[in-house]
Amino acid sequence: MKLELILAKVLKFFTFVLFMFMVLVYFGFLLLLPLDILTQLTRIFSAIGFPTVIAAALGIGAVGYLGYQIYRMPRLYGLVVDIGMELIAFGQAQLRRFDPLIEDSKPVATNNASAA
């Protein structure tokens, strides 16, 4: 009985860690993507021959324009955020599937006072 409870809790923890990792990677990717685009654009503009400061300013402007274009498409960024929220909801649903298994594995407490 106790081994089943321990195994169920350990597997629930690993499932939680897996889904937490996936959510963090998803939203981290969304946060780091504009920074990566900025870095690549700055390198491209520097390779063309612009000074680094001007290349960085052009890159910031390009990323800002790209962000504005995405802002003008609310269904697009709404879809991206909804995918992340569905990932969170799916993870919560999978974790809830462990609850009946854990409840069934818990030892039943006996009342010794009523036996006396």
PDB file of N, CA and C in Angstrom:
ATOM      1  N   MET A   1       0.819  -1.195   0.000  1.00  0.00           N
ATOM      2  CA  MET A   1       0.000   0.000   0.000  1.00  0.00           C
ATOM      3  C   MET A   1       0.861   1.257   0.000  1.00  0.00           C
ATOM      4  N   LYS A   2       1.832   1.300   0.895  1.00  0.00           N
ATOM      5  CA  LYS A   2       2.658   2.498   1.015  1.00  0.00           C
ATOM      6  C   LYS A   2       3.528   2.680  -0.223  1.00  0.00           C
ATOM      7  N   LEU A   3       4.007   1.589  -0.831  1.00  0.00           N
ATOM      8  CA  LEU A   3       4.823   1.682  -2.027  1.00  0.00           C
ATOM      9  C   LEU A   3       4.011   2.258  -3.187  1.00  0.00           C
ATOM     10  N   GLU A   4       2.748   1.850  -3.294  1.00  0.00           N
ATOM     11  CA  GLU A   4       1.883   2.391  -4.345  1.00  0.00           C
ATOM     12  C   GLU A   4       1.688   3.889  -4.169  1.00  0.00           C
ATOM     13  N   LEU A   5       1.505   4.335  -2.941  1.00  0.00           N
ATOM     14  CA  LEU A   5       1.333   5.749  -2.655  1.00  0.00           C
ATOM     15  C   LEU A   5       2.594   6.542  -3.016  1.00  0.00           C
ATOM     16  N   ILE A   6       3.734   6.007  -2.647  1.00  0.00           N
ATOM     17  CA  ILE A   6       5.003   6.688  -2.945  1.00  0.00           C
ATOM     18  C   ILE A   6       5.221   6.758  -4.451  1.00  0.00           C
ATOM     19  N   LEU A   7       4.978   5.662  -5.147  1.00  0.00           N
ATOM     20  CA  LEU A   7       5.153   5.655  -6.601  1.00  0.00           C
ATOM     21  C   LEU A   7       4.194   6.615  -7.287  1.00  0.00           C
ATOM     22  N   ALA A   8       2.967   6.662  -6.846  1.00  0.00           N
ATOM     23  CA  ALA A   8       1.986   7.570  -7.452  1.00  0.00           C
ATOM     24  C   ALA A   8       2.394   9.024  -7.240  1.00  0.00           C
ATOM     25  N   LYS A   9       2.859   9.349  -6.046  1.00  0.00           N
ATOM     26  CA  LYS A   9       3.282  10.731  -5.778  1.00  0.00           C
ATOM     27  C   LYS A   9       4.537  11.098  -6.559  1.00  0.00           C
ATOM     28  N   VAL A  10       5.464  10.160  -6.677  1.00  0.00           N
ATOM     29  CA  VAL A  10       6.685  10.433  -7.442  1.00  0.00           C
ATOM     30  C   VAL A  10       6.352  10.642  -8.914  1.00  0.00           C
ATOM     31  N   LEU A  11       5.503   9.791  -9.468  1.00  0.00           N
ATOM     32  CA  LEU A  11       5.125   9.949 -10.872  1.00  0.00           C
ATOM     33  C   LEU A  11       4.314  11.222 -11.089  1.00  0.00           C
ATOM     34  N   LYS A  12       3.496  11.611 -10.128  1.00  0.00           N
ATOM     35  CA  LYS A  12       2.763  12.873 -10.228  1.00  0.00           C
ATOM     36  C   LYS A  12       3.748  14.043 -10.225  1.00  0.00           C
ATOM     37  N   PHE A  13       4.768  13.965  -9.391  1.00  0.00           N
ATOM     38  CA  PHE A  13       5.780  15.025  -9.349  1.00  0.00           C
ATOM     39  C   PHE A  13       6.522  15.107 -10.674  1.00  0.00           C
ATOM     40  N   PHE A  14       6.928  13.963 -11.244  1.00  0.00           N
ATOM     41  CA  PHE A  14       7.633  13.978 -12.522  1.00  0.00           C
ATOM     42  C   PHE A  14       6.747  14.518 -13.639  1.00  0.00           C
ATOM     43  N   THR A  15       5.458  14.186 -13.589  1.00  0.00           N
ATOM     44  CA  THR A  15       4.532  14.728 -14.575  1.00  0.00           C
ATOM     45  C   THR A  15       4.413  16.238 -14.424  1.00  0.00           C
ATOM     46  N   PHE A  16       4.356  16.711 -13.183  1.00  0.00           N
ATOM     47  CA  PHE A  16       4.315  18.150 -12.932  1.00  0.00           C
ATOM     48  C   PHE A  16       5.568  18.830 -13.472  1.00  0.00           C
ATOM     49  N   VAL A  17       6.722  18.244 -13.234  1.00  0.00           N
ATOM     50  CA  VAL A  17       7.979  18.825 -13.712  1.00  0.00           C
ATOM     51  C   VAL A  17       8.012  18.840 -15.236  1.00  0.00           C
ATOM     52  N   LEU A  18       7.532  17.784 -15.872  1.00  0.00           N
ATOM     53  CA  LEU A  18       7.509  17.719 -17.328  1.00  0.00           C
ATOM     54  C   LEU A  18       6.649  18.835 -17.911  1.00  0.00           C
ATOM     55  N   PHE A  19       5.427  18.984 -17.409  1.00  0.00           N
ATOM     56  CA  PHE A  19       4.554  20.014 -17.952  1.00  0.00           C
ATOM     57  C   PHE A  19       5.034  21.414 -17.590  1.00  0.00           C
ATOM     58  N   MET A  20       5.627  21.586 -16.416  1.00  0.00           N
ATOM     59  CA  MET A  20       6.194  22.890 -16.060  1.00  0.00           C
ATOM     60  C   MET A  20       7.328  23.247 -17.013  1.00  0.00           C
ATOM     61  N   PHE A  21       8.163  22.282 -17.331  1.00  0.00           N
ATOM     62  CA  PHE A  21       9.252  22.515 -18.268  1.00  0.00           C
ATOM     63  C   PHE A  21       8.710  22.916 -19.637  1.00  0.00           C
ATOM     64  N   MET A  22       7.677  22.213 -20.106  1.00  0.00           N
ATOM     65  CA  MET A  22       7.116  22.529 -21.423  1.00  0.00           C
ATOM     66  C   MET A  22       6.523  23.934 -21.451  1.00  0.00           C
ATOM     67  N   VAL A  23       5.825  24.331 -20.406  1.00  0.00           N
ATOM     68  CA  VAL A  23       5.236  25.664 -20.359  1.00  0.00           C
ATOM     69  C   VAL A  23       6.328  26.729 -20.293  1.00  0.00           C
ATOM     70  N   LEU A  24       7.351  26.503 -19.493  1.00  0.00           N
ATOM     71  CA  LEU A  24       8.445  27.466 -19.397  1.00  0.00           C
ATOM     72  C   LEU A  24       9.204  27.591 -20.717  1.00  0.00           C
ATOM     73  N   VAL A  25       9.401  26.493 -21.410  1.00  0.00           N
ATOM     74  CA  VAL A  25      10.069  26.541 -22.710  1.00  0.00           C
ATOM     75  C   VAL A  25       9.203  27.299 -23.710  1.00  0.00           C
ATOM     76  N   TYR A  26       7.895  27.046 -23.706  1.00  0.00           N
ATOM     77  CA  TYR A  26       6.992  27.706 -24.654  1.00  0.00           C
ATOM     78  C   TYR A  26       6.991  29.217 -24.448  1.00  0.00           C
ATOM     79  N   PHE A  27       6.746  29.670 -23.218  1.00  0.00           N
ATOM     80  CA  PHE A  27       6.685  31.102 -22.976  1.00  0.00           C
ATOM     81  C   PHE A  27       8.073  31.738 -23.003  1.00  0.00           C
ATOM     82  N   GLY A  28       9.113  30.994 -22.638  1.00  0.00           N
ATOM     83  CA  GLY A  28      10.470  31.507 -22.753  1.00  0.00           C
ATOM     84  C   GLY A  28      10.860  31.729 -24.205  1.00  0.00           C
ATOM     85  N   PHE A  29      10.421  30.819 -25.055  1.00  0.00           N
ATOM     86  CA  PHE A  29      10.665  30.980 -26.490  1.00  0.00           C
ATOM     87  C   PHE A  29       9.998  32.248 -26.997  1.00  0.00           C
ATOM     88  N   LEU A  30       8.776  32.502 -26.547  1.00  0.00           N
ATOM     89  CA  LEU A  30       8.072  33.708 -26.989  1.00  0.00           C
ATOM     90  C   LEU A  30       8.759  34.980 -26.503  1.00  0.00           C
ATOM     91  N   LEU A  31       9.384  34.920 -25.335  1.00  0.00           N
ATOM     92  CA  LEU A  31      10.090  36.092 -24.821  1.00  0.00           C
ATOM     93  C   LEU A  31      11.452  36.287 -25.487  1.00  0.00           C
ATOM     94  N   LEU A  32      12.142  35.203 -25.806  1.00  0.00           N
ATOM     95  CA  LEU A  32      13.480  35.312 -26.365  1.00  0.00           C
ATOM     96  C   LEU A  32      13.504  35.478 -27.885  1.00  0.00           C
ATOM     97  N   LEU A  33      12.412  35.177 -28.559  1.00  0.00           N
ATOM     98  CA  LEU A  33      12.381  35.286 -30.014  1.00  0.00           C
ATOM     99  C   LEU A  33      12.657  36.712 -30.500  1.00  0.00           C
ATOM    100  N   PRO A  34      12.035  37.752 -29.939  1.00  0.00           N
ATOM    101  CA  PRO A  34      12.369  39.113 -30.404  1.00  0.00           C
ATOM    102  C   PRO A  34      13.829  39.486 -30.144  1.00  0.00           C
ATOM    103  N   LEU A  35      14.388  39.023 -29.037  1.00  0.00           N
ATOM    104  CA  LEU A  35      15.800  39.312 -28.765  1.00  0.00           C
ATOM    105  C   LEU A  35      16.711  38.629 -29.781  1.00  0.00           C
ATOM    106  N   ASP A  36      16.359  37.434 -30.173  1.00  0.00           N
ATOM    107  CA  ASP A  36      17.159  36.739 -31.178  1.00  0.00           C
ATOM    108  C   ASP A  36      17.050  37.437 -32.524  1.00  0.00           C
ATOM    109  N   ILE A  37      15.846  37.863 -32.886  1.00  0.00           N
ATOM    110  CA  ILE A  37      15.672  38.591 -34.142  1.00  0.00           C
ATOM    111  C   ILE A  37      16.490  39.877 -34.118  1.00  0.00           C
ATOM    112  N   LEU A  38      16.482  40.584 -33.001  1.00  0.00           N
ATOM    113  CA  LEU A  38      17.268  41.807 -32.867  1.00  0.00           C
ATOM    114  C   LEU A  38      18.757  41.519 -33.035  1.00  0.00           C
ATOM    115  N   THR A  39      19.241  40.465 -32.413  1.00  0.00           N
ATOM    116  CA  THR A  39      20.657  40.111 -32.522  1.00  0.00           C
ATOM    117  C   THR A  39      21.029  39.792 -33.969  1.00  0.00           C
ATOM    118  N   GLN A  40      20.201  39.013 -34.637  1.00  0.00           N
ATOM    119  CA  GLN A  40      20.512  38.630 -36.017  1.00  0.00           C
ATOM    120  C   GLN A  40      20.448  39.832 -36.955  1.00  0.00           C
ATOM    121  N   LEU A  41      19.456  40.704 -36.762  1.00  0.00           N
ATOM    122  CA  LEU A  41      19.372  41.892 -37.603  1.00  0.00           C
ATOM    123  C   LEU A  41      20.561  42.826 -37.375  1.00  0.00           C
ATOM    124  N   THR A  42      20.984  42.963 -36.135  1.00  0.00           N
ATOM    125  CA  THR A  42      22.150  43.797 -35.845  1.00  0.00           C
ATOM    126  C   THR A  42      23.394  43.228 -36.525  1.00  0.00           C
ATOM    127  N   ARG A  43      23.549  41.922 -36.494  1.00  0.00           N
ATOM    128  CA  ARG A  43      24.700  41.299 -37.173  1.00  0.00           C
ATOM    129  C   ARG A  43      24.630  41.514 -38.679  1.00  0.00           C
ATOM    130  N   ILE A  44      23.431  41.372 -39.241  1.00  0.00           N
ATOM    131  CA  ILE A  44      23.280  41.560 -40.689  1.00  0.00           C
ATOM    132  C   ILE A  44      23.613  42.999 -41.073  1.00  0.00           C
ATOM    133  N   PHE A  45      23.074  43.967 -40.325  1.00  0.00           N
ATOM    134  CA  PHE A  45      23.344  45.374 -40.641  1.00  0.00           C
ATOM    135  C   PHE A  45      24.820  45.712 -40.426  1.00  0.00           C
ATOM    136  N   SER A  46      25.445  45.116 -39.436  1.00  0.00           N
ATOM    137  CA  SER A  46      26.879  45.340 -39.225  1.00  0.00           C
ATOM    138  C   SER A  46      27.698  44.732 -40.354  1.00  0.00           C
ATOM    139  N   ALA A  47      27.266  43.581 -40.850  1.00  0.00           N
ATOM    140  CA  ALA A  47      27.978  42.932 -41.946  1.00  0.00           C
ATOM    141  C   ALA A  47      27.851  43.728 -43.237  1.00  0.00           C
ATOM    142  N   ILE A  48      26.727  44.430 -43.391  1.00  0.00           N
ATOM    143  CA  ILE A  48      26.542  45.262 -44.578  1.00  0.00           C
ATOM    144  C   ILE A  48      27.501  46.449 -44.552  1.00  0.00           C
ATOM    145  N   GLY A  49      27.836  46.914 -43.354  1.00  0.00           N
ATOM    146  CA  GLY A  49      28.786  48.007 -43.249  1.00  0.00           C
ATOM    147  C   GLY A  49      28.335  49.139 -42.352  1.00  0.00           C
ATOM    148  N   PHE A  50      27.174  49.004 -41.728  1.00  0.00           N
ATOM    149  CA  PHE A  50      26.724  50.036 -40.802  1.00  0.00           C
ATOM    150  C   PHE A  50      27.518  49.939 -39.500  1.00  0.00           C
ATOM    151  N   PRO A  51      27.765  51.061 -38.856  1.00  0.00           N
ATOM    152  CA  PRO A  51      28.367  50.997 -37.519  1.00  0.00           C
ATOM    153  C   PRO A  51      27.419  50.267 -36.554  1.00  0.00           C
ATOM    154  N   THR A  52      27.973  49.721 -35.491  1.00  0.00           N
ATOM    155  CA  THR A  52      27.206  48.881 -34.573  1.00  0.00           C
ATOM    156  C   THR A  52      26.041  49.639 -33.937  1.00  0.00           C
ATOM    157  N   VAL A  53      26.253  50.887 -33.572  1.00  0.00           N
ATOM    158  CA  VAL A  53      25.191  51.671 -32.936  1.00  0.00           C
ATOM    159  C   VAL A  53      24.033  51.887 -33.901  1.00  0.00           C
ATOM    160  N   ILE A  54      24.348  52.219 -35.142  1.00  0.00           N
ATOM    161  CA  ILE A  54      23.286  52.424 -36.136  1.00  0.00           C
ATOM    162  C   ILE A  54      22.619  51.092 -36.469  1.00  0.00           C
ATOM    163  N   ALA A  55      23.412  50.012 -36.551  1.00  0.00           N
ATOM    164  CA  ALA A  55      22.845  48.691 -36.827  1.00  0.00           C
ATOM    165  C   ALA A  55      21.896  48.278 -35.707  1.00  0.00           C
ATOM    166  N   ALA A  56      22.266  48.571 -34.453  1.00  0.00           N
ATOM    167  CA  ALA A  56      21.391  48.234 -33.322  1.00  0.00           C
ATOM    168  C   ALA A  56      20.116  49.064 -33.376  1.00  0.00           C
ATOM    169  N   ALA A  57      20.232  50.346 -33.729  1.00  0.00           N
ATOM    170  CA  ALA A  57      19.048  51.203 -33.835  1.00  0.00           C
ATOM    171  C   ALA A  57      18.119  50.714 -34.946  1.00  0.00           C
ATOM    172  N   LEU A  58      18.693  50.334 -36.084  1.00  0.00           N
ATOM    173  CA  LEU A  58      17.875  49.784 -37.174  1.00  0.00           C
ATOM    174  C   LEU A  58      17.220  48.467 -36.755  1.00  0.00           C
ATOM    175  N   GLY A  59      17.966  47.631 -36.037  1.00  0.00           N
ATOM    176  CA  GLY A  59      17.411  46.356 -35.566  1.00  0.00           C
ATOM    177  C   GLY A  59      16.268  46.565 -34.584  1.00  0.00           C
ATOM    178  N   ILE A  60      16.430  47.526 -33.658  1.00  0.00           N
ATOM    179  CA  ILE A  60      15.361  47.826 -32.701  1.00  0.00           C
ATOM    180  C   ILE A  60      14.126  48.341 -33.435  1.00  0.00           C
ATOM    181  N   GLY A  61      14.361  49.185 -34.427  1.00  0.00           N
ATOM    182  CA  GLY A  61      13.232  49.685 -35.225  1.00  0.00           C
ATOM    183  C   GLY A  61      12.526  48.572 -35.978  1.00  0.00           C
ATOM    184  N   ALA A  62      13.293  47.647 -36.554  1.00  0.00           N
ATOM    185  CA  ALA A  62      12.701  46.536 -37.298  1.00  0.00           C
ATOM    186  C   ALA A  62      11.906  45.607 -36.372  1.00  0.00           C
ATOM    187  N   VAL A  63      12.465  45.317 -35.209  1.00  0.00           N
ATOM    188  CA  VAL A  63      11.758  44.453 -34.249  1.00  0.00           C
ATOM    189  C   VAL A  63      10.513  45.171 -33.722  1.00  0.00           C
ATOM    190  N   GLY A  64      10.624  46.469 -33.486  1.00  0.00           N
ATOM    191  CA  GLY A  64       9.451  47.241 -33.062  1.00  0.00           C
ATOM    192  C   GLY A  64       8.364  47.235 -34.115  1.00  0.00           C
ATOM    193  N   TYR A  65       8.748  47.385 -35.390  1.00  0.00           N
ATOM    194  CA  TYR A  65       7.766  47.345 -36.477  1.00  0.00           C
ATOM    195  C   TYR A  65       7.125  45.965 -36.573  1.00  0.00           C
ATOM    196  N   LEU A  66       7.930  44.929 -36.423  1.00  0.00           N
ATOM    197  CA  LEU A  66       7.397  43.561 -36.443  1.00  0.00           C
ATOM    198  C   LEU A  66       6.418  43.341 -35.286  1.00  0.00           C
ATOM    199  N   GLY A  67       6.788  43.851 -34.104  1.00  0.00           N
ATOM    200  CA  GLY A  67       5.877  43.754 -32.958  1.00  0.00           C
ATOM    201  C   GLY A  67       4.584  44.514 -33.190  1.00  0.00           C
ATOM    202  N   TYR A  68       4.680  45.672 -33.827  1.00  0.00           N
ATOM    203  CA  TYR A  68       3.474  46.456 -34.135  1.00  0.00           C
ATOM    204  C   TYR A  68       2.584  45.713 -35.126  1.00  0.00           C
ATOM    205  N   GLN A  69       3.182  45.078 -36.119  1.00  0.00           N
ATOM    206  CA  GLN A  69       2.390  44.322 -37.090  1.00  0.00           C
ATOM    207  C   GLN A  69       1.682  43.139 -36.420  1.00  0.00           C
ATOM    208  N   ILE A  70       2.360  42.503 -35.487  1.00  0.00           N
ATOM    209  CA  ILE A  70       1.731  41.398 -34.756  1.00  0.00           C
ATOM    210  C   ILE A  70       0.629  41.940 -33.848  1.00  0.00           C
ATOM    211  N   TYR A  71       0.858  43.107 -33.252  1.00  0.00           N
ATOM    212  CA  TYR A  71      -0.152  43.754 -32.403  1.00  0.00           C
ATOM    213  C   TYR A  71      -1.412  44.062 -33.197  1.00  0.00           C
ATOM    214  N   ARG A  72      -1.255  44.376 -34.466  1.00  0.00           N
ATOM    215  CA  ARG A  72      -2.414  44.680 -35.305  1.00  0.00           C
ATOM    216  C   ARG A  72      -3.196  43.432 -35.691  1.00  0.00           C
ATOM    217  N   MET A  73      -2.671  42.251 -35.388  1.00  0.00           N
ATOM    218  CA  MET A  73      -3.359  40.989 -35.677  1.00  0.00           C
ATOM    219  C   MET A  73      -3.722  40.316 -34.348  1.00  0.00           C
ATOM    220  N   PRO A  74      -4.797  40.778 -33.687  1.00  0.00           N
ATOM    221  CA  PRO A  74      -5.097  40.242 -32.350  1.00  0.00           C
ATOM    222  C   PRO A  74      -5.421  38.747 -32.358  1.00  0.00           C
ATOM    223  N   ARG A  75      -5.930  38.242 -33.468  1.00  0.00           N
ATOM    224  CA  ARG A  75      -6.225  36.811 -33.511  1.00  0.00           C
ATOM    225  C   ARG A  75      -4.942  35.987 -33.487  1.00  0.00           C
ATOM    226  N   LEU A  76      -3.860  36.526 -34.053  1.00  0.00           N
ATOM    227  CA  LEU A  76      -2.592  35.798 -34.076  1.00  0.00           C
ATOM    228  C   LEU A  76      -1.989  35.685 -32.688  1.00  0.00           C
ATOM    229  N   TYR A  77      -1.814  36.812 -32.003  1.00  0.00           N
ATOM    230  CA  TYR A  77      -1.201  36.706 -30.684  1.00  0.00           C
ATOM    231  C   TYR A  77      -2.170  36.112 -29.677  1.00  0.00           C
ATOM    232  N   GLY A  78      -3.486  36.254 -29.921  1.00  0.00           N
ATOM    233  CA  GLY A  78      -4.462  35.568 -29.070  1.00  0.00           C
ATOM    234  C   GLY A  78      -4.339  34.056 -29.211  1.00  0.00           C
ATOM    235  N   LEU A  79      -4.113  33.614 -30.448  1.00  0.00           N
ATOM    236  CA  LEU A  79      -3.937  32.180 -30.699  1.00  0.00           C
ATOM    237  C   LEU A  79      -2.687  31.646 -30.015  1.00  0.00           C
ATOM    238  N   VAL A  80      -1.601  32.406 -30.086  1.00  0.00           N
ATOM    239  CA  VAL A  80      -0.346  31.960 -29.476  1.00  0.00           C
ATOM    240  C   VAL A  80      -0.491  31.869 -27.956  1.00  0.00           C
ATOM    241  N   VAL A  81      -1.132  32.849 -27.344  1.00  0.00           N
ATOM    242  CA  VAL A  81      -1.334  32.819 -25.891  1.00  0.00           C
ATOM    243  C   VAL A  81      -2.310  31.701 -25.512  1.00  0.00           C
ATOM    244  N   ASP A  82      -3.364  31.506 -26.315  1.00  0.00           N
ATOM    245  CA  ASP A  82      -4.320  30.434 -26.031  1.00  0.00           C
ATOM    246  C   ASP A  82      -3.665  29.052 -26.085  1.00  0.00           C
ATOM    247  N   ILE A  83      -2.731  28.872 -27.001  1.00  0.00           N
ATOM    248  CA  ILE A  83      -2.024  27.588 -27.063  1.00  0.00           C
ATOM    249  C   ILE A  83      -1.271  27.349 -25.758  1.00  0.00           C
ATOM    250  N   GLY A  84      -0.616  28.375 -25.250  1.00  0.00           N
ATOM    251  CA  GLY A  84       0.093  28.244 -23.978  1.00  0.00           C
ATOM    252  C   GLY A  84      -0.854  27.969 -22.823  1.00  0.00           C
ATOM    253  N   MET A  85      -1.998  28.642 -22.805  1.00  0.00           N
ATOM    254  CA  MET A  85      -2.972  28.426 -21.736  1.00  0.00           C
ATOM    255  C   MET A  85      -3.579  27.025 -21.821  1.00  0.00           C
ATOM    256  N   GLU A  86      -3.800  26.531 -23.030  1.00  0.00           N
ATOM    257  CA  GLU A  86      -4.301  25.163 -23.176  1.00  0.00           C
ATOM    258  C   GLU A  86      -3.260  24.148 -22.723  1.00  0.00           C
ATOM    259  N   LEU A  87      -2.001  24.463 -22.934  1.00  0.00           N
ATOM    260  CA  LEU A  87      -0.939  23.590 -22.444  1.00  0.00           C
ATOM    261  C   LEU A  87      -0.963  23.527 -20.923  1.00  0.00           C
ATOM    262  N   ILE A  88      -1.190  24.665 -20.283  1.00  0.00           N
ATOM    263  CA  ILE A  88      -1.293  24.697 -18.818  1.00  0.00           C
ATOM    264  C   ILE A  88      -2.510  23.906 -18.354  1.00  0.00           C
ATOM    265  N   ALA A  89      -3.653  24.116 -19.002  1.00  0.00           N
ATOM    266  CA  ALA A  89      -4.877  23.407 -18.617  1.00  0.00           C
ATOM    267  C   ALA A  89      -4.728  21.899 -18.827  1.00  0.00           C
ATOM    268  N   PHE A  90      -4.077  21.513 -19.911  1.00  0.00           N
ATOM    269  CA  PHE A  90      -3.866  20.089 -20.165  1.00  0.00           C
ATOM    270  C   PHE A  90      -2.993  19.468 -19.089  1.00  0.00           C
ATOM    271  N   GLY A  91      -1.948  20.177 -18.690  1.00  0.00           N
ATOM    272  CA  GLY A  91      -1.078  19.683 -17.619  1.00  0.00           C
ATOM    273  C   GLY A  91      -1.824  19.533 -16.309  1.00  0.00           C
ATOM    274  N   GLN A  92      -2.685  20.505 -15.991  1.00  0.00           N
ATOM    275  CA  GLN A  92      -3.471  20.413 -14.758  1.00  0.00           C
ATOM    276  C   GLN A  92      -4.419  19.218 -14.807  1.00  0.00           C
ATOM    277  N   ALA A  93      -5.022  18.988 -15.965  1.00  0.00           N
ATOM    278  CA  ALA A  93      -5.939  17.849 -16.098  1.00  0.00           C
ATOM    279  C   ALA A  93      -5.195  16.525 -15.919  1.00  0.00           C
ATOM    280  N   GLN A  94      -3.985  16.454 -16.454  1.00  0.00           N
ATOM    281  CA  GLN A  94      -3.215  15.217 -16.309  1.00  0.00           C
ATOM    282  C   GLN A  94      -2.804  15.003 -14.859  1.00  0.00           C
ATOM    283  N   LEU A  95      -2.489  16.085 -14.143  1.00  0.00           N
ATOM    284  CA  LEU A  95      -2.135  15.946 -12.729  1.00  0.00           C
ATOM    285  C   LEU A  95      -3.335  15.525 -11.891  1.00  0.00           C
ATOM    286  N   ARG A  96      -4.525  15.993 -12.246  1.00  0.00           N
ATOM    287  CA  ARG A  96      -5.735  15.603 -11.505  1.00  0.00           C
ATOM    288  C   ARG A  96      -6.047  14.119 -11.670  1.00  0.00           C
ATOM    289  N   ARG A  97      -5.571  13.510 -12.749  1.00  0.00           N
ATOM    290  CA  ARG A  97      -5.811  12.085 -12.959  1.00  0.00           C
ATOM    291  C   ARG A  97      -5.105  11.233 -11.922  1.00  0.00           C
ATOM    292  N   PHE A  98      -4.079  11.778 -11.267  1.00  0.00           N
ATOM    293  CA  PHE A  98      -3.357  11.047 -10.231  1.00  0.00           C
ATOM    294  C   PHE A  98      -4.111  11.050  -8.898  1.00  0.00           C
ATOM    295  N   ASP A  99      -4.989  12.023  -8.681  1.00  0.00           N
ATOM    296  CA  ASP A  99      -5.639  12.175  -7.373  1.00  0.00           C
ATOM    297  C   ASP A  99      -6.428  10.944  -6.923  1.00  0.00           C
ATOM    298  N   PRO A 100      -7.288  10.345  -7.772  1.00  0.00           N
ATOM    299  CA  PRO A 100      -7.993   9.132  -7.298  1.00  0.00           C
ATOM    300  C   PRO A 100      -7.044   7.981  -6.975  1.00  0.00           C
ATOM    301  N   LEU A 101      -5.976   7.865  -7.722  1.00  0.00           N
ATOM    302  CA  LEU A 101      -5.006   6.807  -7.470  1.00  0.00           C
ATOM    303  C   LEU A 101      -4.320   7.017  -6.125  1.00  0.00           C
ATOM    304  N   ILE A 102      -3.999   8.264  -5.818  1.00  0.00           N
ATOM    305  CA  ILE A 102      -3.357   8.566  -4.533  1.00  0.00           C
ATOM    306  C   ILE A 102      -4.336   8.359  -3.394  1.00  0.00           C
ATOM    307  N   GLU A 103      -5.585   8.761  -3.570  1.00  0.00           N
ATOM    308  CA  GLU A 103      -6.598   8.575  -2.525  1.00  0.00           C
ATOM    309  C   GLU A 103      -6.845   7.092  -2.261  1.00  0.00           C
ATOM    310  N   ASP A 104      -6.850   6.263  -3.299  1.00  0.00           N
ATOM    311  CA  ASP A 104      -7.053   4.822  -3.118  1.00  0.00           C
ATOM    312  C   ASP A 104      -5.861   4.158  -2.447  1.00  0.00           C
ATOM    313  N   SER A 105      -4.676   4.750  -2.591  1.00  0.00           N
ATOM    314  CA  SER A 105      -3.468   4.149  -2.042  1.00  0.00           C
ATOM    315  C   SER A 105      -3.202   4.549  -0.594  1.00  0.00           C
ATOM    316  N   LYS A 106      -3.899   5.552  -0.076  1.00  0.00           N
ATOM    317  CA  LYS A 106      -3.661   6.010   1.287  1.00  0.00           C
ATOM    318  C   LYS A 106      -4.127   4.949   2.276  1.00  0.00           C
ATOM    319  N   PRO A 107      -3.357   4.733   3.317  1.00  0.00           N
ATOM    320  CA  PRO A 107      -3.770   3.748   4.343  1.00  0.00           C
ATOM    321  C   PRO A 107      -4.985   4.284   5.107  1.00  0.00           C
ATOM    322  N   VAL A 108      -5.860   3.364   5.465  1.00  0.00           N
ATOM    323  CA  VAL A 108      -7.054   3.714   6.213  1.00  0.00           C
ATOM    324  C   VAL A 108      -6.702   3.809   7.690  1.00  0.00           C
ATOM    325  N   ALA A 109      -7.053   4.924   8.322  1.00  0.00           N
ATOM    326  CA  ALA A 109      -6.763   5.123   9.760  1.00  0.00           C
ATOM    327  C   ALA A 109      -7.803   4.352  10.559  1.00  0.00           C
ATOM    328  N   THR A 110      -7.339   3.637  11.577  1.00  0.00           N
ATOM    329  CA  THR A 110      -8.266   2.917  12.457  1.00  0.00           C
ATOM    330  C   THR A 110      -8.435   3.691  13.744  1.00  0.00           C
ATOM    331  N   ASN A 111      -9.592   3.580  14.314  1.00  0.00           N
ATOM    332  CA  ASN A 111      -9.897   4.297  15.564  1.00  0.00           C
ATOM    333  C   ASN A 111      -9.781   3.302  16.716  1.00  0.00           C
ATOM    334  N   ASN A 112      -8.698   3.366  17.481  1.00  0.00           N
ATOM    335  CA  ASN A 112      -8.464   2.421  18.588  1.00  0.00           C
ATOM    336  C   ASN A 112      -9.297   2.777  19.824  1.00  0.00           C
ATOM    337  N   ALA A 113      -9.780   3.987  19.947  1.00  0.00           N
ATOM    338  CA  ALA A 113     -10.564   4.385  21.130  1.00  0.00           C
ATOM    339  C   ALA A 113     -11.924   3.687  21.145  1.00  0.00           C
ATOM    340  N   SER A 114     -12.508   3.445  19.971  1.00  0.00           N
ATOM    341  CA  SER A 114     -13.816   2.795  19.958  1.00  0.00           C
ATOM    342  C   SER A 114     -13.702   1.299  20.222  1.00  0.00           C
ATOM    343  N   ALA A 115     -12.548   0.709  20.024  1.00  0.00           N
ATOM    344  CA  ALA A 115     -12.373  -0.718  20.272  1.00  0.00           C
ATOM    345  C   ALA A 115     -12.244  -1.028  21.752  1.00  0.00           C
ATOM    346  N   ALA A 116     -11.878  -0.061  22.570  1.00  0.00           N
ATOM    347  CA  ALA A 116     -11.671  -0.306  24.002  1.00  0.00           C
ATOM    348  C   ALA A 116     -12.912  -0.265  24.773  1.00  0.00           C
TER     349      ALA A 116
END
